[in-house]
Amino acid sequence: MTEYRPEPEAPSAAPGTAAPAPAGDGETVPDPAGPEPLGVERTPTGRPEVDAALDRLADADHLPAEGHVAVYEDVHRELRDVLTALDAHPAPGPYEHRS
């Protein structure tokens, strides 16, 4: 009796990426269902430097999943710099400058 052995599955694409489709002549062509923007709306914060950093998150919409980390790290660094600057020059508190 012959033992049943399923054929190995083709490697799948990473989540958020499109697997290339084989062309008739052995070439692979990109799948048209590639990365798509999430369409998440963002409310402006009123701080230009923070809004600019958060706007950069849209750059990840057009990258495959493995490219997202670099964008996220860059935005994180920018936001951390903004917070560090606030700590270095804090706004006056409500009880300062009273006579």
N, C-alpha and C. Protein backbone atom coordinates (compact mmCIF):
# COMPACT_ATOMS: atom_id res chain seq x y z
N MET A 1 0.84 -1.16 0.00
CA MET A 1 0.00 0.00 0.00
C MET A 1 0.90 1.24 0.00
N THR A 2 0.54 2.26 -0.76
CA THR A 2 1.32 3.48 -0.87
C THR A 2 0.86 4.49 0.17
N GLU A 3 1.81 5.07 0.88
CA GLU A 3 1.49 6.05 1.91
C GLU A 3 1.19 7.39 1.24
N TYR A 4 0.14 8.07 1.72
CA TYR A 4 -0.24 9.38 1.18
C TYR A 4 0.69 10.45 1.75
N ARG A 5 1.28 11.22 0.89
CA ARG A 5 2.13 12.34 1.30
C ARG A 5 1.68 13.58 0.54
N PRO A 6 1.16 14.57 1.27
CA PRO A 6 0.72 15.79 0.57
C PRO A 6 1.92 16.52 -0.02
N GLU A 7 1.65 17.23 -1.11
CA GLU A 7 2.73 18.02 -1.72
C GLU A 7 3.05 19.21 -0.82
N PRO A 8 4.31 19.57 -0.72
CA PRO A 8 4.66 20.73 0.12
C PRO A 8 4.01 21.99 -0.44
N GLU A 9 3.58 22.85 0.49
CA GLU A 9 2.97 24.10 0.09
C GLU A 9 4.04 25.08 -0.36
N ALA A 10 3.66 25.92 -1.31
CA ALA A 10 4.58 26.98 -1.75
C ALA A 10 4.72 27.98 -0.61
N PRO A 11 5.88 28.58 -0.46
CA PRO A 11 6.04 29.57 0.62
C PRO A 11 5.04 30.70 0.43
N SER A 12 4.43 31.10 1.53
CA SER A 12 3.46 32.19 1.45
C SER A 12 4.16 33.51 1.72
N ALA A 13 3.52 34.57 1.30
CA ALA A 13 4.07 35.91 1.52
C ALA A 13 3.85 36.31 2.97
N ALA A 14 4.67 37.18 3.45
CA ALA A 14 4.52 37.70 4.81
C ALA A 14 3.22 38.49 4.89
N PRO A 15 2.59 38.54 6.05
CA PRO A 15 1.36 39.31 6.17
C PRO A 15 1.59 40.75 5.74
N GLY A 16 0.64 41.28 4.96
CA GLY A 16 0.74 42.64 4.49
C GLY A 16 1.53 42.80 3.21
N THR A 17 2.02 41.68 2.66
CA THR A 17 2.73 41.75 1.39
C THR A 17 2.03 40.87 0.39
N ALA A 18 2.27 41.11 -0.86
CA ALA A 18 1.65 40.33 -1.92
C ALA A 18 2.64 39.31 -2.45
N ALA A 19 2.17 38.10 -2.62
CA ALA A 19 3.02 37.06 -3.18
C ALA A 19 3.10 37.25 -4.68
N PRO A 20 4.28 37.08 -5.29
CA PRO A 20 4.37 37.22 -6.74
C PRO A 20 3.64 36.07 -7.42
N ALA A 21 2.96 36.39 -8.48
CA ALA A 21 2.25 35.38 -9.25
C ALA A 21 3.15 34.90 -10.38
N PRO A 22 3.21 33.57 -10.62
CA PRO A 22 4.06 33.09 -11.71
C PRO A 22 3.47 33.45 -13.06
N ALA A 23 4.31 33.89 -13.96
CA ALA A 23 3.87 34.18 -15.33
C ALA A 23 3.97 32.89 -16.13
N GLY A 24 3.39 32.89 -17.29
CA GLY A 24 3.36 31.69 -18.13
C GLY A 24 4.75 31.24 -18.57
N ASP A 25 5.71 32.13 -18.67
CA ASP A 25 7.04 31.77 -19.16
C ASP A 25 8.05 31.53 -18.03
N GLY A 26 7.58 31.30 -16.81
CA GLY A 26 8.48 31.01 -15.70
C GLY A 26 8.89 32.25 -14.93
N GLU A 27 8.62 33.45 -15.45
CA GLU A 27 8.93 34.68 -14.74
C GLU A 27 7.87 34.92 -13.68
N THR A 28 8.23 35.65 -12.64
CA THR A 28 7.23 36.04 -11.67
C THR A 28 6.88 37.51 -11.88
N VAL A 29 5.60 37.80 -11.76
CA VAL A 29 5.13 39.18 -11.90
C VAL A 29 4.51 39.58 -10.58
N PRO A 30 4.66 40.83 -10.17
CA PRO A 30 4.10 41.25 -8.89
C PRO A 30 2.57 41.14 -8.89
N ASP A 31 2.04 40.78 -7.74
CA ASP A 31 0.60 40.68 -7.56
C ASP A 31 0.06 42.10 -7.46
N PRO A 32 -0.99 42.44 -8.22
CA PRO A 32 -1.51 43.81 -8.18
C PRO A 32 -2.12 44.17 -6.82
N ALA A 33 -2.36 43.18 -5.98
CA ALA A 33 -2.93 43.46 -4.65
C ALA A 33 -1.81 43.69 -3.65
N GLY A 34 -0.93 44.64 -3.93
CA GLY A 34 0.19 44.95 -3.05
C GLY A 34 -0.24 45.76 -1.85
N PRO A 35 0.71 46.41 -1.18
CA PRO A 35 0.37 47.20 0.02
C PRO A 35 -0.64 48.29 -0.32
N GLU A 36 -1.56 48.50 0.59
CA GLU A 36 -2.57 49.54 0.42
C GLU A 36 -2.63 50.40 1.68
N PRO A 37 -2.90 51.70 1.51
CA PRO A 37 -3.04 52.56 2.69
C PRO A 37 -4.18 52.10 3.58
N LEU A 38 -4.01 52.26 4.88
CA LEU A 38 -5.05 51.86 5.82
C LEU A 38 -6.19 52.87 5.88
N GLY A 39 -5.92 54.10 5.50
CA GLY A 39 -6.94 55.13 5.50
C GLY A 39 -7.31 55.61 6.90
N VAL A 40 -6.38 55.56 7.83
CA VAL A 40 -6.63 56.01 9.19
C VAL A 40 -6.54 57.54 9.21
N GLU A 41 -7.60 58.19 9.69
CA GLU A 41 -7.58 59.64 9.79
C GLU A 41 -6.97 60.06 11.11
N ARG A 42 -6.26 61.18 11.08
CA ARG A 42 -5.57 61.66 12.27
C ARG A 42 -5.97 63.11 12.52
N THR A 43 -6.25 63.41 13.76
CA THR A 43 -6.59 64.77 14.16
C THR A 43 -5.30 65.51 14.46
N PRO A 44 -5.10 66.70 13.88
CA PRO A 44 -3.89 67.46 14.17
C PRO A 44 -3.76 67.78 15.66
N THR A 45 -2.54 67.78 16.14
CA THR A 45 -2.28 68.03 17.56
C THR A 45 -2.14 69.51 17.87
N GLY A 46 -1.85 70.31 16.84
CA GLY A 46 -1.60 71.74 17.08
C GLY A 46 -0.13 72.05 17.30
N ARG A 47 0.69 71.02 17.39
CA ARG A 47 2.15 71.19 17.52
C ARG A 47 2.75 70.82 16.17
N PRO A 48 3.26 71.79 15.41
CA PRO A 48 3.75 71.50 14.05
C PRO A 48 4.79 70.38 13.99
N GLU A 49 5.70 70.34 14.98
CA GLU A 49 6.75 69.32 14.93
C GLU A 49 6.18 67.92 15.18
N VAL A 50 5.16 67.83 16.02
CA VAL A 50 4.52 66.53 16.28
C VAL A 50 3.69 66.12 15.07
N ASP A 51 2.93 67.06 14.50
CA ASP A 51 2.11 66.75 13.33
C ASP A 51 2.98 66.30 12.16
N ALA A 52 4.13 66.95 11.97
CA ALA A 52 5.03 66.56 10.88
C ALA A 52 5.54 65.14 11.08
N ALA A 53 5.90 64.81 12.32
CA ALA A 53 6.39 63.45 12.60
C ALA A 53 5.28 62.43 12.36
N LEU A 54 4.08 62.71 12.83
CA LEU A 54 2.98 61.77 12.65
C LEU A 54 2.57 61.64 11.18
N ASP A 55 2.71 62.71 10.42
CA ASP A 55 2.43 62.64 8.98
C ASP A 55 3.36 61.65 8.29
N ARG A 56 4.55 61.49 8.82
CA ARG A 56 5.51 60.55 8.23
C ARG A 56 5.04 59.11 8.30
N LEU A 57 4.12 58.80 9.23
CA LEU A 57 3.59 57.44 9.32
C LEU A 57 2.94 57.00 8.02
N ALA A 58 2.42 57.95 7.25
CA ALA A 58 1.80 57.62 5.97
C ALA A 58 2.81 57.04 4.99
N ASP A 59 4.10 57.29 5.19
CA ASP A 59 5.13 56.71 4.32
C ASP A 59 5.09 55.19 4.35
N ALA A 60 4.68 54.62 5.48
CA ALA A 60 4.63 53.17 5.61
C ALA A 60 3.52 52.56 4.77
N ASP A 61 2.52 53.35 4.39
CA ASP A 61 1.40 52.83 3.60
C ASP A 61 1.85 52.27 2.26
N HIS A 62 2.94 52.76 1.74
CA HIS A 62 3.37 52.36 0.40
C HIS A 62 4.55 51.41 0.43
N LEU A 63 4.88 50.90 1.60
CA LEU A 63 6.01 49.99 1.75
C LEU A 63 5.53 48.60 2.12
N PRO A 64 6.28 47.58 1.74
CA PRO A 64 5.96 46.24 2.25
C PRO A 64 6.19 46.21 3.77
N ALA A 65 5.63 45.24 4.42
CA ALA A 65 5.67 45.17 5.89
C ALA A 65 7.10 45.29 6.44
N GLU A 66 8.07 44.69 5.80
CA GLU A 66 9.43 44.74 6.32
C GLU A 66 10.02 46.15 6.27
N GLY A 67 9.44 47.07 5.52
CA GLY A 67 9.92 48.45 5.47
C GLY A 67 9.29 49.34 6.52
N HIS A 68 8.26 48.84 7.21
CA HIS A 68 7.56 49.66 8.21
C HIS A 68 8.43 49.99 9.41
N VAL A 69 9.25 49.06 9.83
CA VAL A 69 10.05 49.26 11.05
C VAL A 69 10.91 50.51 10.95
N ALA A 70 11.55 50.73 9.83
CA ALA A 70 12.42 51.90 9.68
C ALA A 70 11.62 53.19 9.82
N VAL A 71 10.42 53.22 9.23
CA VAL A 71 9.57 54.42 9.34
C VAL A 71 9.15 54.63 10.79
N TYR A 72 8.68 53.55 11.44
CA TYR A 72 8.23 53.66 12.83
C TYR A 72 9.36 54.11 13.76
N GLU A 73 10.55 53.58 13.55
CA GLU A 73 11.69 53.96 14.39
C GLU A 73 12.04 55.43 14.18
N ASP A 74 11.99 55.89 12.94
CA ASP A 74 12.31 57.28 12.64
C ASP A 74 11.29 58.22 13.29
N VAL A 75 10.00 57.89 13.18
CA VAL A 75 8.95 58.71 13.79
C VAL A 75 9.09 58.69 15.31
N HIS A 76 9.38 57.53 15.87
CA HIS A 76 9.58 57.43 17.32
C HIS A 76 10.72 58.33 17.77
N ARG A 77 11.82 58.33 17.02
CA ARG A 77 12.98 59.16 17.35
C ARG A 77 12.58 60.64 17.31
N GLU A 78 11.83 61.05 16.28
CA GLU A 78 11.41 62.45 16.17
C GLU A 78 10.52 62.85 17.34
N LEU A 79 9.56 62.00 17.71
CA LEU A 79 8.66 62.31 18.82
C LEU A 79 9.42 62.36 20.15
N ARG A 80 10.39 61.47 20.32
CA ARG A 80 11.20 61.47 21.53
C ARG A 80 12.00 62.77 21.62
N ASP A 81 12.52 63.25 20.48
CA ASP A 81 13.26 64.51 20.47
C ASP A 81 12.37 65.69 20.86
N VAL A 82 11.12 65.68 20.39
CA VAL A 82 10.18 66.74 20.74
C VAL A 82 9.92 66.72 22.25
N LEU A 83 9.70 65.54 22.81
CA LEU A 83 9.47 65.44 24.26
C LEU A 83 10.69 65.86 25.06
N THR A 84 11.87 65.50 24.59
CA THR A 84 13.10 65.88 25.26
C THR A 84 13.25 67.40 25.26
N ALA A 85 12.91 68.04 24.15
CA ALA A 85 13.00 69.50 24.06
C ALA A 85 12.01 70.15 25.03
N LEU A 86 10.84 69.55 25.20
CA LEU A 86 9.87 70.09 26.15
C LEU A 86 10.39 70.00 27.58
N ASP A 87 11.07 68.92 27.90
CA ASP A 87 11.65 68.77 29.24
C ASP A 87 12.76 69.78 29.48
N ALA A 88 13.50 70.11 28.44
CA ALA A 88 14.61 71.05 28.58
C ALA A 88 14.10 72.49 28.74
N HIS A 89 12.95 72.78 28.15
CA HIS A 89 12.39 74.14 28.20
C HIS A 89 10.90 74.04 28.55
N PRO A 90 10.57 73.68 29.77
CA PRO A 90 9.15 73.52 30.11
C PRO A 90 8.40 74.84 30.06
N ALA A 91 7.13 74.73 29.72
CA ALA A 91 6.27 75.92 29.71
C ALA A 91 6.04 76.36 31.15
N PRO A 92 5.81 77.64 31.37
CA PRO A 92 5.57 78.10 32.75
C PRO A 92 4.31 77.45 33.31
N GLY A 93 4.36 77.08 34.57
CA GLY A 93 3.22 76.48 35.23
C GLY A 93 2.19 77.52 35.61
N PRO A 94 1.02 77.10 36.06
CA PRO A 94 -0.05 78.04 36.37
C PRO A 94 0.27 78.92 37.58
N TYR A 95 1.20 78.52 38.43
CA TYR A 95 1.49 79.29 39.63
C TYR A 95 2.77 80.12 39.51
N GLU A 96 3.41 80.02 38.38
CA GLU A 96 4.61 80.83 38.19
C GLU A 96 4.19 82.21 37.70
N HIS A 97 5.00 83.20 37.92
CA HIS A 97 4.79 84.58 37.49
C HIS A 97 3.65 85.25 38.24
N ARG A 98 3.27 84.74 39.40
CA ARG A 98 2.25 85.42 40.20
C ARG A 98 2.94 86.47 41.07
N SER A 99 2.26 87.57 41.28
CA SER A 99 2.81 88.64 42.14
C SER A 99 2.25 88.55 43.52
